[in-house]
Amino acid sequence: MKEFLDALSSKEPTPGGGGASALVAAVSCSLCSMVANLTTGKKKYAQYQEKIEEYLDILAQKNAVLQNDIKKDAEAFAPLAAAYSLDKNTENYEQIMEKALLDAATAPKEILEDIYSLVAVIEDLAVMGSRLAISDVAVAATCLIAALQGCVLNVYINTKSMKNREVAAEMNAYVSKIVEDGVSRMNVVYKNIDESLR
């Protein structure tokens, strides 16, 4: 963690906001795992036992994916950084730049999909999870909102420079819909838990 935060603090362009968003999503995922671990085996939640066990396996897999996404985001930026350093008179410059921009936008789009996949899990844990850890479900929801809203900007910053506006608009519309839905649903989870604890 310290190594990542030190690197994030440096003047190097990676890791950046995309990697930070993946990390925040991994924190959300870890909180979900904690809630599931605190719920499993408890008689009070026996009706959810099978689903909780399933989620423990799923969350372990998702956590590994999200941690890998931190690296994935940095790797996607490297070719774009190289493209930006090229002389504009370089042969096939426009094509090289366009591909680099598309690839740099595609990586956070895919990371966004990984982040969004936690939305339904958090909704279920808000219902099935141990009431002793319900505040942690709300924190997971809040973290996921930040991850979604942060990650999508790494799509937009690259699609904004693309020459193919049709492809850019299509990608923007797709990710915008994901974020709008995910944030809306996580706000409901947070609001309901917040009201239940007051």
Protein backbone atom coordinates (compact mmCIF):
# COMPACT_ATOMS: atom_id res chain seq x y z
CA MET A 1 0.00 0.00 0.00
CA LYS A 2 2.79 2.43 0.95
CA GLU A 3 4.62 1.67 -2.29
CA PHE A 4 1.52 2.43 -4.34
CA LEU A 5 0.72 5.65 -2.47
CA ASP A 6 4.30 6.84 -2.75
CA ALA A 7 4.20 6.20 -6.50
CA LEU A 8 0.83 7.93 -6.73
CA SER A 9 2.32 10.96 -4.99
CA SER A 10 5.23 11.26 -7.41
CA LYS A 11 5.51 13.32 -10.59
CA GLU A 12 5.19 10.15 -12.70
CA PRO A 13 1.92 9.94 -14.69
CA THR A 14 1.24 6.39 -13.53
CA PRO A 15 -0.26 5.25 -11.31
CA GLY A 16 -2.92 7.93 -11.62
CA GLY A 17 -6.63 8.42 -11.23
CA GLY A 18 -7.54 5.19 -12.99
CA GLY A 19 -5.35 3.09 -10.73
CA ALA A 20 -6.61 4.98 -7.69
CA SER A 21 -10.20 4.26 -8.73
CA ALA A 22 -9.42 0.56 -9.06
CA LEU A 23 -7.81 0.61 -5.62
CA VAL A 24 -10.86 2.29 -4.05
CA ALA A 25 -13.06 -0.34 -5.71
CA ALA A 26 -10.83 -3.06 -4.26
CA VAL A 27 -11.35 -1.48 -0.82
CA SER A 28 -15.10 -1.65 -1.44
CA CYS A 29 -14.76 -5.28 -2.47
CA SER A 30 -12.72 -6.08 0.65
CA LEU A 31 -15.36 -4.51 2.86
CA CYS A 32 -17.97 -6.70 1.18
CA SER A 33 -15.84 -9.75 1.91
CA MET A 34 -15.54 -8.70 5.54
CA VAL A 35 -19.31 -8.35 5.86
CA ALA A 36 -19.83 -11.75 4.21
CA ASN A 37 -17.26 -13.32 6.55
CA LEU A 38 -19.00 -11.79 9.56
CA THR A 39 -22.35 -13.16 8.33
CA THR A 40 -21.45 -16.69 7.27
CA GLY A 41 -22.30 -19.44 9.73
CA LYS A 42 -24.59 -17.25 11.84
CA LYS A 43 -27.95 -18.88 12.67
CA LYS A 44 -29.71 -15.53 12.38
CA TYR A 45 -28.77 -15.38 8.69
CA ALA A 46 -29.10 -19.08 7.87
CA GLN A 47 -31.58 -18.39 5.07
CA TYR A 48 -28.81 -16.50 3.23
CA GLN A 49 -25.99 -18.94 3.96
CA GLU A 50 -25.75 -20.46 0.50
CA LYS A 51 -25.68 -17.05 -1.19
CA ILE A 52 -23.15 -15.66 1.30
CA GLU A 53 -20.81 -18.60 0.62
CA GLU A 54 -21.19 -17.98 -3.10
CA TYR A 55 -20.37 -14.31 -2.63
CA LEU A 56 -17.26 -15.09 -0.61
CA ASP A 57 -15.84 -16.95 -3.62
CA ILE A 58 -17.01 -14.32 -6.10
CA LEU A 59 -15.60 -11.45 -4.04
CA ALA A 60 -12.20 -13.11 -3.75
CA GLN A 61 -12.09 -13.34 -7.55
CA LYS A 62 -13.29 -9.77 -8.02
CA ASN A 63 -10.72 -8.46 -5.57
CA ALA A 64 -7.91 -10.11 -7.53
CA VAL A 65 -9.25 -8.62 -10.77
CA LEU A 66 -9.50 -5.12 -9.30
CA GLN A 67 -5.98 -5.28 -7.90
CA ASN A 68 -4.76 -6.32 -11.34
CA ASP A 69 -6.73 -3.42 -12.84
CA ILE A 70 -4.37 -1.00 -11.07
CA LYS A 71 -1.55 -2.36 -13.22
CA LYS A 72 -3.78 -2.62 -16.28
CA ASP A 73 -4.56 1.09 -16.17
CA ALA A 74 -0.89 2.05 -16.03
CA GLU A 75 0.00 -0.32 -18.88
CA ALA A 76 -2.72 1.17 -21.10
CA PHE A 77 -1.34 4.67 -20.64
CA ALA A 78 2.25 3.82 -21.64
CA PRO A 79 1.60 3.62 -25.44
CA LEU A 80 -0.34 6.89 -25.30
CA ALA A 81 2.50 8.62 -23.50
CA ALA A 82 4.84 7.32 -26.21
CA ALA A 83 2.48 8.55 -28.93
CA TYR A 84 2.33 12.02 -27.42
CA SER A 85 6.11 12.20 -27.56
CA LEU A 86 6.19 11.54 -31.32
CA ASP A 87 6.85 14.28 -33.85
CA LYS A 88 3.62 15.13 -35.68
CA ASN A 89 5.43 14.51 -38.96
CA THR A 90 5.98 10.87 -38.01
CA GLU A 91 4.62 8.47 -40.62
CA ASN A 92 1.06 7.35 -39.75
CA TYR A 93 1.06 9.76 -36.79
CA GLU A 94 -2.73 10.22 -36.81
CA GLN A 95 -3.40 6.47 -36.89
CA ILE A 96 -0.86 5.81 -34.13
CA MET A 97 -2.38 8.52 -31.93
CA GLU A 98 -5.94 7.40 -32.58
CA LYS A 99 -5.17 3.79 -31.66
CA ALA A 100 -3.31 4.87 -28.53
CA LEU A 101 -6.25 7.04 -27.46
CA LEU A 102 -8.76 4.26 -28.11
CA ASP A 103 -6.68 1.74 -26.16
CA ALA A 104 -6.20 4.23 -23.31
CA ALA A 105 -9.97 4.76 -23.17
CA THR A 106 -10.79 1.05 -23.48
CA ALA A 107 -8.80 0.03 -20.40
CA PRO A 108 -10.72 2.26 -17.95
CA LYS A 109 -13.97 1.25 -19.68
CA GLU A 110 -13.18 -2.38 -18.87
CA ILE A 111 -12.09 -1.45 -15.34
CA LEU A 112 -15.37 0.43 -14.95
CA GLU A 113 -17.24 -2.76 -15.87
CA ASP A 114 -15.29 -4.62 -13.17
CA ILE A 115 -16.19 -1.93 -10.62
CA TYR A 116 -19.84 -1.92 -11.66
CA SER A 117 -20.07 -5.68 -11.14
CA LEU A 118 -20.01 -5.03 -7.37
CA VAL A 119 -23.23 -3.00 -7.42
CA ALA A 120 -25.62 -5.95 -7.14
CA VAL A 121 -23.42 -7.62 -4.52
CA ILE A 122 -23.54 -4.55 -2.28
CA GLU A 123 -27.31 -4.31 -2.73
CA ASP A 124 -27.68 -7.92 -1.61
CA LEU A 125 -25.34 -7.53 1.36
CA ALA A 126 -27.38 -4.53 2.50
CA VAL A 127 -30.22 -7.03 2.94
CA MET A 128 -28.40 -10.26 3.83
CA GLY A 129 -25.36 -9.00 5.71
CA SER A 130 -24.94 -9.00 9.48
CA ARG A 131 -26.60 -5.96 11.04
CA LEU A 132 -23.47 -5.56 13.16
CA ALA A 133 -21.54 -4.71 9.99
CA ILE A 134 -24.23 -2.86 8.08
CA SER A 135 -22.32 0.43 8.31
CA ASP A 136 -19.49 -1.27 6.41
CA VAL A 137 -21.89 -2.04 3.57
CA ALA A 138 -22.65 1.69 3.41
CA VAL A 139 -18.93 2.48 3.32
CA ALA A 140 -18.52 -0.07 0.51
CA ALA A 141 -21.31 1.69 -1.39
CA THR A 142 -19.66 5.08 -0.89
CA CYS A 143 -16.30 3.76 -2.05
CA LEU A 144 -17.92 2.28 -5.12
CA ILE A 145 -19.50 5.61 -6.01
CA ALA A 146 -16.08 7.27 -5.86
CA ALA A 147 -14.54 4.47 -7.93
CA LEU A 148 -17.22 4.68 -10.62
CA GLN A 149 -17.13 8.47 -10.86
CA GLY A 150 -13.35 8.55 -10.84
CA CYS A 151 -12.77 5.78 -13.34
CA VAL A 152 -15.16 7.12 -15.98
CA LEU A 153 -13.20 10.38 -16.23
CA ASN A 154 -10.26 8.35 -17.52
CA VAL A 155 -12.47 7.26 -20.40
CA TYR A 156 -13.66 10.79 -21.14
CA ILE A 157 -10.22 12.39 -21.09
CA ASN A 158 -9.12 10.06 -23.88
CA THR A 159 -12.30 9.98 -25.98
CA LYS A 160 -12.27 13.79 -25.94
CA SER A 161 -9.15 13.79 -28.15
CA MET A 162 -10.24 11.04 -30.53
CA LYS A 163 -10.82 12.01 -34.18
CA ASN A 164 -13.49 9.35 -34.63
CA ARG A 165 -16.30 11.16 -32.85
CA GLU A 166 -18.82 8.39 -33.55
CA VAL A 167 -16.75 5.81 -31.67
CA ALA A 168 -16.02 8.34 -28.92
CA ALA A 169 -19.71 9.22 -28.49
CA GLU A 170 -20.71 5.56 -28.42
CA MET A 171 -18.14 4.78 -25.73
CA ASN A 172 -19.09 7.85 -23.70
CA ALA A 173 -22.77 6.95 -23.81
CA TYR A 174 -22.05 3.38 -22.70
CA VAL A 175 -19.89 4.31 -19.70
CA SER A 176 -22.15 7.20 -18.72
CA LYS A 177 -25.09 4.83 -18.45
CA ILE A 178 -23.10 2.43 -16.27
CA VAL A 179 -22.03 5.19 -13.91
CA GLU A 180 -25.47 6.75 -13.68
CA ASP A 181 -27.06 3.41 -12.80
CA GLY A 182 -24.36 2.34 -10.36
CA VAL A 183 -24.18 5.66 -8.53
CA SER A 184 -27.96 5.88 -8.27
CA ARG A 185 -28.24 2.40 -6.79
CA MET A 186 -25.36 2.90 -4.36
CA ASN A 187 -26.86 6.18 -3.19
CA VAL A 188 -30.06 4.29 -2.34
CA VAL A 189 -28.08 1.70 -0.34
CA TYR A 190 -26.22 4.41 1.55
CA LYS A 191 -29.36 6.46 2.23
CA ASN A 192 -31.29 3.47 3.54
CA ILE A 193 -28.49 2.37 5.85
CA ASP A 194 -27.84 5.92 7.02
CA GLU A 195 -31.50 6.35 7.92
CA SER A 196 -31.62 2.97 9.68
CA LEU A 197 -28.68 3.90 11.93
CA ARG A 198 -29.87 7.31 13.06
